[in-house]
Amino acid sequence: MDKEIKYIEEEEKELQEEGRFLVDNFGVDMDKISYILLGPLIFLIIFLLPIPGLDWQARGGLGILIWMAFWWTSGHIAVAITALVPIFVTTFIPVAPVGEIVRVFSHRIVFLIAGSCAMGAAWQRWGIARRLSLKILSFFGNSARKQIWAWFLISALLSSIIADTVTAAVFVPVAVTLLHYLGYDSNTKRWNNKAATNILLAIAWGASIGSLPTPLGGGQNLLIYEFLNEAVGRKIYFYEWTMRMLPFTLMFIPFIGFYISHILQSEDVKLPGSKEVYQKELDKMGKMKKGEIYSALVFVLAVASAFLEPLYSKLFPFLDPAFVFFSLAFLLFFIPTEEKENVLSIKSMGHFPITVMIVWPSALALAKVLEFSGLAEIIGNNLSFFASGYGILTFLVFGGVTALLTNISTNTASAALLLPVIIQLFISQGLNPVPIILLLTVSVNLSFAIASGNGCLAVSAGYGVNLKTMFKHGVIIAVIGFILSTGLAYILDQFLPWWGVL
């Protein structure tokens, strides 16, 4: 048994290394260089050729938008490299002030993301996430449906307070390690086995939709959170976001969980292994170590600071939850453990998803490009016909476009491309933008179909999830989710006036 456990631990270490590569891959597929070069070529064609109604700055903004969308969806170049396009272009062509573009990389939300991701890295390094998942699995046993629900719920819960990509990076390697032990020890076996694929989908889709309740759920939420603050002219408290997103979360959790466990997993089967397997793994971990305890306590303090802000903001107006997150994470570098290593160290920061740090500000940079180039205003004027109020048609049009884009590009990309334009459109019409922002927040998070849709899907794809199953059923869930969320948003806006007012 000791040899088997040692094998599991070695496998998990290898899988975590692979998982970090998948999340933080900065590569370029040089075999596809001619395809990749189409991106800048498209930009130059759009920028240089006269287009009726667009001046050179607007054409430059459109060119950057299409260039980034092309690279985002190609799959041949890392998301992090695509994220730097706005800085590269505006350095040489003044489509927008490069100083304004670079400034977003020091935005307060960047510090919140850094703190959150650093705490997530500590969770991975010291194993608290593994302990939590093993505890739950030892309770649920080896029923495929129960396993699916266990992974789905734990991923959905954690992704509401840690970035969705980080959640997937934490739990997918743990799940795959256990699947290795149960006989699904290759990507091919997991691709071809319904239960193994469904478990990976449960994590990916659980982390994707579980991110809704708080701005901490992912870069796309933090981006929209910033847009929302700017639109209403004040800082939005986290609890205000949670109160408005919770009805959608409570609707999606049972819907998607049931879909995976009873439609995808049409027949419940018993997986190899038993509760005893998980319990032995849990026993092997022993008592909680200092690294686990301190990383958990500091994380709880940071999350509490975000939600309790209304209680202390008047007494301590200088305290900003974004910097509290960052500062508490910083303290972890000075807290010792039983080993010759502090809670956070160079070693534990190897789990840090650096791509998240680049993608979020670059999405905001793209929004700035659209604003300064004048393209956002031009697009908004052409869509003004649909922004005549808050009828069901308005919700269907804007929610549908956003849900479509998030399933053919990425959730952060769709937020960056559409939200600034639509928000400005509603403001220019003298309409309260909050209801449409809230609806589009849900639509942006309906990314289920393709591996590039978000980090959760990408991580699970790298570990052998059946991509045909993901696409087919991801589209079905996205379509049903769009209809349900649009209807619910319309009902909330019509019958609960406070919902759409901030």
Protein backbone atom coordinates (compact mmCIF):
# COMPACT_ATOMS: atom_id res chain seq x y z
CA MET A 1 0.00 0.00 0.00
CA ASP A 2 2.89 2.39 0.78
CA LYS A 3 4.23 1.87 -2.75
CA GLU A 4 0.82 2.65 -4.22
CA ILE A 5 0.51 5.83 -2.14
CA LYS A 6 4.03 6.88 -3.12
CA TYR A 7 3.05 6.34 -6.75
CA ILE A 8 -0.02 8.54 -6.31
CA GLU A 9 2.03 11.31 -4.71
CA GLU A 10 4.59 11.20 -7.54
CA GLU A 11 1.82 11.22 -10.14
CA GLU A 12 0.14 14.18 -8.46
CA LYS A 13 3.40 16.14 -8.44
CA GLU A 14 3.90 15.49 -12.16
CA LEU A 15 0.30 16.41 -12.92
CA GLN A 16 0.55 19.65 -10.97
CA GLU A 17 3.67 20.56 -12.91
CA GLU A 18 1.78 19.82 -16.14
CA GLY A 19 -1.19 21.81 -14.88
CA ARG A 20 0.96 24.87 -14.25
CA PHE A 21 2.33 24.57 -17.78
CA LEU A 22 -1.18 24.43 -19.16
CA VAL A 23 -2.30 27.49 -17.20
CA ASP A 24 0.85 29.56 -17.70
CA ASN A 25 1.95 28.44 -21.16
CA PHE A 26 3.67 31.34 -22.90
CA GLY A 27 4.38 29.42 -26.09
CA VAL A 28 3.87 30.11 -29.75
CA ASP A 29 3.25 27.28 -32.21
CA MET A 30 5.95 28.13 -34.74
CA ASP A 31 4.62 25.47 -37.10
CA LYS A 32 1.61 27.76 -37.55
CA ILE A 33 3.60 30.99 -37.96
CA SER A 34 2.03 31.85 -41.32
CA TYR A 35 -1.41 31.51 -39.73
CA ILE A 36 -0.31 33.57 -36.72
CA LEU A 37 0.98 36.37 -38.96
CA LEU A 38 -2.54 36.80 -40.33
CA GLY A 39 -3.37 38.67 -37.10
CA PRO A 40 -1.07 41.67 -37.67
CA LEU A 41 -1.77 41.49 -41.42
CA ILE A 42 -5.51 41.89 -40.76
CA PHE A 43 -4.71 44.86 -38.52
CA LEU A 44 -2.64 46.57 -41.23
CA ILE A 45 -5.29 46.03 -43.90
CA ILE A 46 -8.04 47.48 -41.71
CA PHE A 47 -5.82 50.36 -40.55
CA LEU A 48 -4.54 51.37 -44.01
CA LEU A 49 -7.65 50.93 -46.16
CA PRO A 50 -10.32 53.66 -45.98
CA ILE A 51 -13.58 52.52 -44.38
CA PRO A 52 -16.65 54.79 -44.65
CA GLY A 53 -17.52 56.34 -41.29
CA LEU A 54 -14.22 55.40 -39.60
CA ASP A 55 -11.22 57.70 -39.23
CA TRP A 56 -7.69 56.31 -38.89
CA GLN A 57 -7.91 56.01 -35.09
CA ALA A 58 -11.20 54.13 -35.20
CA ARG A 59 -9.78 51.83 -37.91
CA GLY A 60 -6.78 51.20 -35.67
CA GLY A 61 -9.05 50.33 -32.76
CA LEU A 62 -11.05 47.96 -34.98
CA GLY A 63 -7.85 46.40 -36.26
CA ILE A 64 -6.55 45.72 -32.74
CA LEU A 65 -9.92 44.26 -31.73
CA ILE A 66 -10.03 41.83 -34.68
CA TRP A 67 -6.32 40.98 -34.35
CA MET A 68 -6.78 40.00 -30.70
CA ALA A 69 -10.02 38.13 -31.38
CA PHE A 70 -8.28 36.18 -34.16
CA TRP A 71 -5.36 35.19 -31.96
CA TRP A 72 -7.60 34.44 -28.97
CA THR A 73 -9.61 31.93 -30.98
CA SER A 74 -6.76 30.42 -33.04
CA GLY A 75 -5.28 28.26 -30.29
CA HIS A 76 -1.80 28.68 -31.82
CA ILE A 77 -0.49 31.45 -29.59
CA ALA A 78 -0.62 31.82 -25.81
CA VAL A 79 -3.33 34.03 -24.36
CA ALA A 80 -0.69 35.96 -22.42
CA ILE A 81 1.07 37.02 -25.64
CA THR A 82 -2.20 38.11 -27.23
CA ALA A 83 -2.83 40.18 -24.12
CA LEU A 84 0.15 42.41 -24.90
CA VAL A 85 -1.02 43.47 -28.37
CA PRO A 86 -2.56 46.81 -27.23
CA ILE A 87 0.76 47.95 -25.73
CA PHE A 88 2.74 46.83 -28.77
CA VAL A 89 0.52 48.63 -31.29
CA THR A 90 -0.05 51.87 -29.37
CA THR A 91 3.71 52.20 -28.77
CA PHE A 92 4.23 52.79 -32.50
CA ILE A 93 0.79 53.92 -33.70
CA PRO A 94 -1.07 56.46 -31.48
CA VAL A 95 -4.47 54.82 -31.80
CA ALA A 96 -4.75 55.46 -28.05
CA PRO A 97 -2.31 57.04 -25.56
CA VAL A 98 0.18 54.31 -24.68
CA GLY A 99 0.56 55.83 -21.20
CA GLU A 100 -3.14 55.20 -20.52
CA ILE A 101 -2.81 51.65 -21.82
CA VAL A 102 0.22 50.83 -19.66
CA ARG A 103 -1.35 52.46 -16.57
CA VAL A 104 -4.03 49.75 -16.30
CA PHE A 105 -1.30 47.23 -15.41
CA SER A 106 -0.94 48.99 -12.04
CA HIS A 107 -4.68 49.13 -11.41
CA ARG A 108 -5.86 48.34 -7.87
CA ILE A 109 -7.66 45.23 -9.11
CA VAL A 110 -4.34 43.83 -10.33
CA PHE A 111 -3.21 43.79 -6.68
CA LEU A 112 -6.42 42.02 -5.66
CA ILE A 113 -5.80 39.36 -8.33
CA ALA A 114 -2.17 39.00 -7.25
CA GLY A 115 -3.18 38.50 -3.62
CA SER A 116 -5.93 36.03 -4.45
CA CYS A 117 -3.73 33.99 -6.77
CA ALA A 118 -0.84 33.97 -4.28
CA MET A 119 -3.16 32.56 -1.61
CA GLY A 120 -4.37 29.98 -4.12
CA ALA A 121 -0.73 29.03 -4.75
CA ALA A 122 -0.29 28.46 -1.00
CA TRP A 123 -3.38 26.24 -1.00
CA GLN A 124 -1.82 24.13 -3.72
CA ARG A 125 1.63 24.03 -2.17
CA TRP A 126 0.52 22.89 1.27
CA GLY A 127 -2.34 20.63 0.21
CA ILE A 128 -5.36 22.14 1.93
CA ALA A 129 -7.35 21.84 -1.30
CA ARG A 130 -6.32 18.19 -1.63
CA ARG A 131 -7.33 17.54 1.98
CA LEU A 132 -10.70 19.19 1.43
CA SER A 133 -11.43 17.22 -1.74
CA LEU A 134 -10.33 13.89 -0.20
CA LYS A 135 -12.54 14.53 2.82
CA ILE A 136 -15.55 15.07 0.60
CA LEU A 137 -14.73 12.09 -1.62
CA SER A 138 -14.31 9.77 1.35
CA PHE A 139 -17.85 10.72 2.31
CA PHE A 140 -19.39 10.31 -1.17
CA GLY A 141 -17.68 7.05 -2.13
CA ASN A 142 -17.27 5.64 -5.64
CA SER A 143 -20.69 6.18 -7.22
CA ALA A 144 -20.07 8.03 -10.50
CA ARG A 145 -23.02 10.36 -9.96
CA LYS A 146 -22.05 11.13 -6.38
CA GLN A 147 -18.47 11.76 -7.47
CA ILE A 148 -19.69 14.14 -10.17
CA TRP A 149 -21.80 16.07 -7.66
CA ALA A 150 -18.92 16.16 -5.16
CA TRP A 151 -16.42 17.60 -7.64
CA PHE A 152 -19.01 19.95 -9.13
CA LEU A 153 -20.08 21.43 -5.79
CA ILE A 154 -16.61 21.82 -4.33
CA SER A 155 -15.36 23.50 -7.53
CA ALA A 156 -18.37 25.81 -7.70
CA LEU A 157 -17.97 26.76 -4.05
CA LEU A 158 -14.26 27.51 -4.19
CA SER A 159 -14.38 29.40 -7.50
CA SER A 160 -16.67 32.00 -5.94
CA ILE A 161 -13.82 33.15 -3.72
CA ILE A 162 -10.72 32.10 -5.69
CA ALA A 163 -10.33 32.74 -9.43
CA ASP A 164 -12.02 30.04 -11.52
CA THR A 165 -8.81 29.13 -13.35
CA VAL A 166 -6.95 28.74 -10.07
CA THR A 167 -9.76 26.50 -8.79
CA ALA A 168 -9.45 24.23 -11.81
CA ALA A 169 -5.66 24.19 -11.47
CA VAL A 170 -6.08 23.12 -7.84
CA PHE A 171 -8.68 20.37 -8.29
CA VAL A 172 -8.12 18.86 -11.74
CA PRO A 173 -4.70 17.40 -10.83
CA VAL A 174 -6.19 15.93 -7.63
CA ALA A 175 -9.06 14.36 -9.57
CA VAL A 176 -6.76 13.02 -12.27
CA THR A 177 -4.41 11.54 -9.68
CA LEU A 178 -7.32 9.60 -8.21
CA LEU A 179 -8.50 8.62 -11.70
CA HIS A 180 -4.98 7.30 -12.34
CA TYR A 181 -5.29 5.15 -9.26
CA LEU A 182 -8.69 3.88 -10.42
CA GLY A 183 -7.28 2.78 -13.77
CA TYR A 184 -7.85 5.83 -15.99
CA ASP A 185 -4.14 6.51 -16.26
CA SER A 186 -3.90 8.23 -19.64
CA ASN A 187 -5.58 11.03 -21.53
CA THR A 188 -6.94 8.50 -24.01
CA LYS A 189 -8.60 6.42 -21.29
CA ARG A 190 -10.14 9.50 -19.71
CA TRP A 191 -11.32 10.73 -23.13
CA ASN A 192 -13.00 7.41 -23.87
CA ASN A 193 -14.52 6.82 -20.43
CA LYS A 194 -17.80 8.61 -19.83
CA ALA A 195 -17.48 8.81 -16.05
CA ALA A 196 -13.88 10.10 -16.14
CA THR A 197 -14.76 12.78 -18.68
CA ASN A 198 -17.85 13.79 -16.73
CA ILE A 199 -15.83 14.21 -13.52
CA LEU A 200 -13.42 16.53 -15.34
CA LEU A 201 -16.35 18.42 -16.86
CA ALA A 202 -17.91 18.72 -13.40
CA ILE A 203 -14.79 20.53 -12.20
CA ALA A 204 -14.47 22.71 -15.31
CA TRP A 205 -18.13 23.71 -15.52
CA GLY A 206 -18.51 23.94 -11.74
CA ALA A 207 -15.59 26.37 -11.51
CA SER A 208 -16.91 28.29 -14.53
CA ILE A 209 -20.43 28.93 -13.23
CA GLY A 210 -19.46 28.98 -9.55
CA SER A 211 -17.49 32.16 -10.22
CA LEU A 212 -20.68 34.24 -10.45
CA PRO A 213 -21.41 35.13 -6.79
CA THR A 214 -18.42 37.41 -6.20
CA PRO A 215 -16.05 39.62 -8.19
CA LEU A 216 -13.26 37.32 -6.98
CA GLY A 217 -14.55 34.52 -9.22
CA GLY A 218 -12.28 35.33 -12.13
CA GLY A 219 -10.64 37.97 -14.27
CA GLN A 220 -13.81 38.43 -16.28
CA ASN A 221 -15.78 39.29 -13.13
CA LEU A 222 -13.16 41.71 -11.86
CA LEU A 223 -13.12 43.40 -15.25
CA ILE A 224 -16.90 43.84 -15.19
CA TYR A 225 -16.69 44.91 -11.55
CA GLU A 226 -14.42 47.77 -12.61
CA PHE A 227 -16.74 48.72 -15.47
CA LEU A 228 -19.64 48.67 -13.01
CA ASN A 229 -17.81 50.96 -10.57
CA GLU A 230 -17.10 53.44 -13.37
CA ALA A 231 -20.66 53.29 -14.69
CA VAL A 232 -22.32 54.10 -11.33
CA GLY A 233 -19.60 56.48 -10.18
CA ARG A 234 -18.75 54.80 -6.87
CA LYS A 235 -17.13 51.70 -5.41
CA ILE A 236 -19.52 48.76 -5.40
CA TYR A 237 -19.37 46.65 -2.24
CA PHE A 238 -18.86 42.94 -2.71
CA TYR A 239 -22.08 42.06 -0.91
CA GLU A 240 -24.03 44.20 -3.41
CA TRP A 241 -22.65 42.10 -6.26
CA THR A 242 -23.37 38.85 -4.39
CA MET A 243 -26.99 39.76 -3.69
CA ARG A 244 -27.60 40.37 -7.40
CA MET A 245 -25.74 37.32 -8.72
CA LEU A 246 -26.93 34.81 -6.13
CA PRO A 247 -30.34 34.14 -7.79
CA PHE A 248 -28.56 33.09 -10.99
CA THR A 249 -26.11 30.89 -9.08
CA LEU A 250 -28.93 29.15 -7.22
CA MET A 251 -30.61 28.50 -10.57
CA PHE A 252 -27.52 27.24 -12.41
CA ILE A 253 -26.04 24.96 -9.74
CA PRO A 254 -28.90 22.42 -9.69
CA PHE A 255 -29.47 22.73 -13.44
CA ILE A 256 -25.89 22.08 -14.55
CA GLY A 257 -25.22 19.56 -11.78
CA PHE A 258 -28.29 17.55 -12.78
CA TYR A 259 -27.38 17.81 -16.48
CA ILE A 260 -23.90 16.32 -15.91
CA SER A 261 -24.95 13.68 -13.37
CA HIS A 262 -28.14 12.45 -15.07
CA ILE A 263 -28.02 13.37 -18.75
CA LEU A 264 -24.30 13.05 -19.50
CA GLN A 265 -23.98 10.29 -16.89
CA SER A 266 -27.20 8.59 -18.00
CA GLU A 267 -26.39 5.47 -16.00
CA ASP A 268 -24.86 5.51 -12.55
CA VAL A 269 -21.83 3.20 -12.33
CA LYS A 270 -19.49 2.20 -9.57
CA LEU A 271 -15.96 3.41 -10.14
CA PRO A 272 -13.02 1.20 -9.17
CA GLY A 273 -11.86 1.79 -5.63
CA SER A 274 -13.88 2.71 -2.57
CA LYS A 275 -14.32 5.19 0.24
CA GLU A 276 -11.45 3.44 1.97
CA VAL A 277 -9.07 4.48 -0.83
CA TYR A 278 -9.83 8.15 -0.25
CA GLN A 279 -9.79 7.76 3.52
CA LYS A 280 -6.35 6.13 3.42
CA GLU A 281 -5.06 8.99 1.30
CA LEU A 282 -6.53 11.41 3.83
CA ASP A 283 -4.98 9.52 6.73
CA LYS A 284 -1.64 9.61 4.93
CA MET A 285 -1.73 13.42 5.03
CA GLY A 286 -1.92 13.33 8.83
CA LYS A 287 -2.87 16.36 10.86
CA MET A 288 -3.14 19.77 9.26
CA LYS A 289 0.28 21.37 8.88
CA LYS A 290 1.10 24.96 9.64
CA GLY A 291 1.18 25.80 5.93
CA GLU A 292 -2.40 24.60 5.54
CA ILE A 293 -3.65 26.33 8.68
CA TYR A 294 -2.03 29.69 8.03
CA SER A 295 -2.91 29.80 4.32
CA ALA A 296 -6.54 29.01 5.20
CA LEU A 297 -6.75 31.57 8.02
CA VAL A 298 -5.20 34.38 6.00
CA PHE A 299 -7.49 33.59 3.11
CA VAL A 300 -10.57 33.73 5.36
CA LEU A 301 -9.41 37.10 6.72
CA ALA A 302 -8.93 38.47 3.20
CA VAL A 303 -12.37 37.36 2.00
CA ALA A 304 -13.95 38.74 5.18
CA SER A 305 -12.28 42.10 4.56
CA ALA A 306 -13.94 42.27 1.15
CA PHE A 307 -17.44 41.46 2.38
CA LEU A 308 -17.29 43.47 5.61
CA GLU A 309 -16.07 46.63 3.91
CA PRO A 310 -19.37 48.52 4.54
CA LEU A 311 -18.84 48.02 8.30
CA TYR A 312 -15.36 49.52 8.49
CA SER A 313 -15.21 51.86 5.49
CA LYS A 314 -16.28 54.95 7.47
CA LEU A 315 -13.94 54.27 10.37
CA PHE A 316 -11.00 53.24 8.17
CA PRO A 317 -11.67 54.81 4.73
CA PHE A 318 -8.08 54.19 3.64
CA LEU A 319 -8.51 50.40 3.77
CA ASP A 320 -9.15 48.99 0.31
CA PRO A 321 -9.97 45.24 0.07
CA ALA A 322 -7.83 44.98 -3.06
CA PHE A 323 -4.71 46.06 -1.19
CA VAL A 324 -5.75 44.13 1.93
CA PHE A 325 -5.73 40.95 -0.19
CA PHE A 326 -2.30 41.79 -1.53
CA SER A 327 -0.85 42.76 1.85
CA LEU A 328 -2.15 39.67 3.64
CA ALA A 329 -0.68 37.49 0.90
CA PHE A 330 2.61 39.36 1.36
CA LEU A 331 2.60 38.43 5.07
CA LEU A 332 2.60 34.73 4.12
CA PHE A 333 6.21 35.16 2.94
CA PHE A 334 7.19 35.72 6.60
CA ILE A 335 5.16 32.98 8.31
CA PRO A 336 7.26 29.83 8.94
CA THR A 337 6.12 26.21 8.67
CA GLU A 338 7.52 22.95 10.05
CA GLU A 339 9.73 22.70 6.98
CA LYS A 340 12.59 24.99 6.00
CA GLU A 341 10.16 27.04 3.99
CA ASN A 342 7.65 29.76 4.76
CA VAL A 343 3.98 29.54 3.74
CA LEU A 344 4.78 31.48 0.59
CA SER A 345 8.17 31.06 -1.02
CA ILE A 346 9.76 30.88 -4.43
CA LYS A 347 8.83 27.19 -4.47
CA SER A 348 5.15 27.72 -3.63
CA MET A 349 4.92 30.65 -6.08
CA GLY A 350 5.61 28.10 -8.78
CA HIS A 351 1.86 27.46 -8.56
CA PHE A 352 1.07 31.12 -9.29
CA PRO A 353 -0.95 31.52 -12.56
CA ILE A 354 0.99 34.43 -14.05
CA THR A 355 -1.23 34.43 -17.16
CA VAL A 356 -4.14 35.71 -15.07
CA MET A 357 -2.04 38.72 -14.07
CA ILE A 358 -1.47 39.64 -17.70
CA VAL A 359 -4.83 38.83 -19.23
CA TRP A 360 -6.97 40.94 -16.88
CA PRO A 361 -5.21 44.31 -17.37
CA SER A 362 -4.84 43.65 -21.08
CA ALA A 363 -8.60 43.23 -21.37
CA LEU A 364 -9.00 46.58 -19.64
CA ALA A 365 -6.34 47.97 -22.00
CA LEU A 366 -8.40 46.82 -24.98
CA ALA A 367 -11.41 48.59 -23.51
CA LYS A 368 -9.30 51.76 -23.29
CA VAL A 369 -8.28 51.35 -26.94
CA LEU A 370 -11.92 51.09 -27.99
CA GLU A 371 -12.73 54.20 -25.94
CA PHE A 372 -9.85 56.46 -27.02
CA SER A 373 -10.00 55.42 -30.68
CA GLY A 374 -13.67 56.40 -30.84
CA LEU A 375 -14.68 52.91 -32.05
CA ALA A 376 -16.83 52.24 -28.99
CA GLU A 377 -18.94 55.31 -29.68
CA ILE A 378 -19.34 54.41 -33.36
CA ILE A 379 -20.40 50.84 -32.60
CA GLY A 380 -22.72 52.10 -29.88
CA ASN A 381 -24.46 54.46 -32.28
CA ASN A 382 -25.14 51.58 -34.66
CA LEU A 383 -26.64 49.49 -31.84
CA SER A 384 -28.69 52.31 -30.34
CA PHE A 385 -31.88 50.95 -31.91
CA PHE A 386 -31.81 48.01 -29.47
CA ALA A 387 -31.09 50.15 -26.40
CA SER A 388 -34.46 51.82 -26.19
CA GLY A 389 -35.34 50.41 -22.77
CA TYR A 390 -35.31 47.17 -20.81
CA GLY A 391 -37.77 45.05 -22.75
CA ILE A 392 -37.22 41.36 -23.21
CA LEU A 393 -35.99 41.97 -26.79
CA THR A 394 -33.19 44.21 -25.51
CA PHE A 395 -32.10 41.58 -23.01
CA LEU A 396 -32.25 38.82 -25.61
CA VAL A 397 -30.20 40.74 -28.18
CA PHE A 398 -27.37 41.89 -25.93
CA GLY A 399 -27.35 38.76 -23.77
CA GLY A 400 -27.36 36.53 -26.85
CA VAL A 401 -24.49 38.34 -28.58
CA THR A 402 -22.42 38.16 -25.39
CA ALA A 403 -23.18 34.47 -24.76
CA LEU A 404 -22.26 33.68 -28.38
CA LEU A 405 -18.96 35.56 -28.24
CA THR A 406 -17.95 34.00 -24.91
CA ASN A 407 -18.36 30.54 -26.45
CA ILE A 408 -16.23 31.26 -29.53
CA SER A 409 -13.48 33.29 -27.87
CA THR A 410 -12.89 33.63 -24.10
CA ASN A 411 -14.99 34.98 -21.26
CA THR A 412 -12.48 37.75 -20.52
CA ALA A 413 -12.26 38.65 -24.20
CA SER A 414 -16.02 38.89 -24.59
CA ALA A 415 -16.20 41.11 -21.49
CA ALA A 416 -13.45 43.36 -22.80
CA LEU A 417 -14.86 43.59 -26.31
CA LEU A 418 -18.56 44.13 -25.58
CA LEU A 419 -19.12 45.57 -22.10
CA PRO A 420 -17.52 49.02 -22.63
CA VAL A 421 -19.45 49.52 -25.86
CA ILE A 422 -22.81 48.42 -24.48
CA ILE A 423 -22.41 50.35 -21.21
CA GLN A 424 -21.54 53.55 -23.03
CA LEU A 425 -24.48 52.98 -25.36
CA PHE A 426 -26.98 52.81 -22.51
CA ILE A 427 -25.44 55.79 -20.71
CA SER A 428 -25.56 57.88 -23.88
CA GLN A 429 -29.27 57.05 -24.19
CA GLY A 430 -29.81 58.30 -20.63
CA LEU A 431 -30.62 54.77 -19.41
CA ASN A 432 -29.49 53.13 -16.18
CA PRO A 433 -26.76 50.68 -17.31
CA VAL A 434 -26.87 48.46 -14.20
CA PRO A 435 -29.52 45.91 -15.34
CA ILE A 436 -27.79 45.24 -18.65
CA ILE A 437 -24.38 45.00 -16.93
CA LEU A 438 -25.75 42.41 -14.51
CA LEU A 439 -27.30 40.36 -17.30
CA LEU A 440 -24.11 40.48 -19.37
CA THR A 441 -22.09 39.41 -16.33
CA VAL A 442 -24.08 36.17 -16.36
CA SER A 443 -23.79 35.84 -20.15
CA VAL A 444 -20.00 36.27 -20.03
CA ASN A 445 -19.78 33.37 -17.55
CA LEU A 446 -21.74 31.00 -19.82
CA SER A 447 -18.50 29.75 -21.36
CA PHE A 448 -18.75 25.96 -21.61
CA ALA A 449 -18.10 24.80 -25.18
CA ILE A 450 -14.46 25.17 -26.27
CA ALA A 451 -11.16 24.68 -24.47
CA SER A 452 -10.09 28.29 -25.06
CA GLY A 453 -13.28 29.63 -23.45
CA ASN A 454 -11.66 30.01 -20.04
CA GLY A 455 -8.82 28.62 -17.97
CA CYS A 456 -11.04 25.96 -16.35
CA LEU A 457 -11.87 24.40 -19.70
CA ALA A 458 -8.28 24.65 -20.89
CA VAL A 459 -6.90 22.85 -17.83
CA SER A 460 -9.43 20.01 -18.08
CA ALA A 461 -8.77 19.70 -21.83
CA GLY A 462 -5.09 19.22 -21.13
CA TYR A 463 -5.87 16.27 -18.88
CA GLY A 464 -7.94 14.32 -21.40
CA VAL A 465 -11.53 15.49 -21.13
CA ASN A 466 -13.50 14.48 -24.24
CA LEU A 467 -13.61 17.72 -26.25
CA LYS A 468 -16.47 16.46 -28.45
CA THR A 469 -18.60 15.96 -25.34
CA MET A 470 -17.51 19.35 -24.01
CA PHE A 471 -18.49 21.13 -27.22
CA LYS A 472 -21.78 19.37 -27.91
CA HIS A 473 -23.17 19.57 -24.40
CA GLY A 474 -21.43 22.86 -23.62
CA VAL A 475 -23.39 24.49 -26.42
CA ILE A 476 -26.64 22.97 -25.12
CA ILE A 477 -25.98 24.21 -21.58
CA ALA A 478 -24.98 27.66 -22.85
CA VAL A 479 -28.16 28.01 -24.92
CA ILE A 480 -30.45 26.84 -22.12
CA GLY A 481 -28.49 28.96 -19.65
CA PHE A 482 -28.85 32.03 -21.85
CA ILE A 483 -32.62 31.58 -22.07
CA LEU A 484 -32.99 30.95 -18.33
CA SER A 485 -30.72 33.84 -17.29
CA THR A 486 -32.36 36.29 -19.68
CA GLY A 487 -35.81 35.39 -18.38
CA LEU A 488 -34.70 35.61 -14.77
CA ALA A 489 -32.96 38.97 -15.32
CA TYR A 490 -36.11 40.36 -16.93
CA ILE A 491 -38.29 39.15 -14.04
CA LEU A 492 -35.89 40.56 -11.42
CA ASP A 493 -35.73 43.90 -13.20
CA GLN A 494 -39.51 44.11 -13.51
CA PHE A 495 -40.52 42.96 -10.02
CA LEU A 496 -37.55 43.77 -7.77
CA PRO A 497 -36.67 47.43 -8.45
CA TRP A 498 -33.64 47.35 -6.13
CA TRP A 499 -31.97 44.63 -8.21
CA GLY A 500 -31.09 46.94 -11.09
CA VAL A 501 -30.17 49.99 -9.01
CA LEU A 502 -26.78 50.67 -7.43
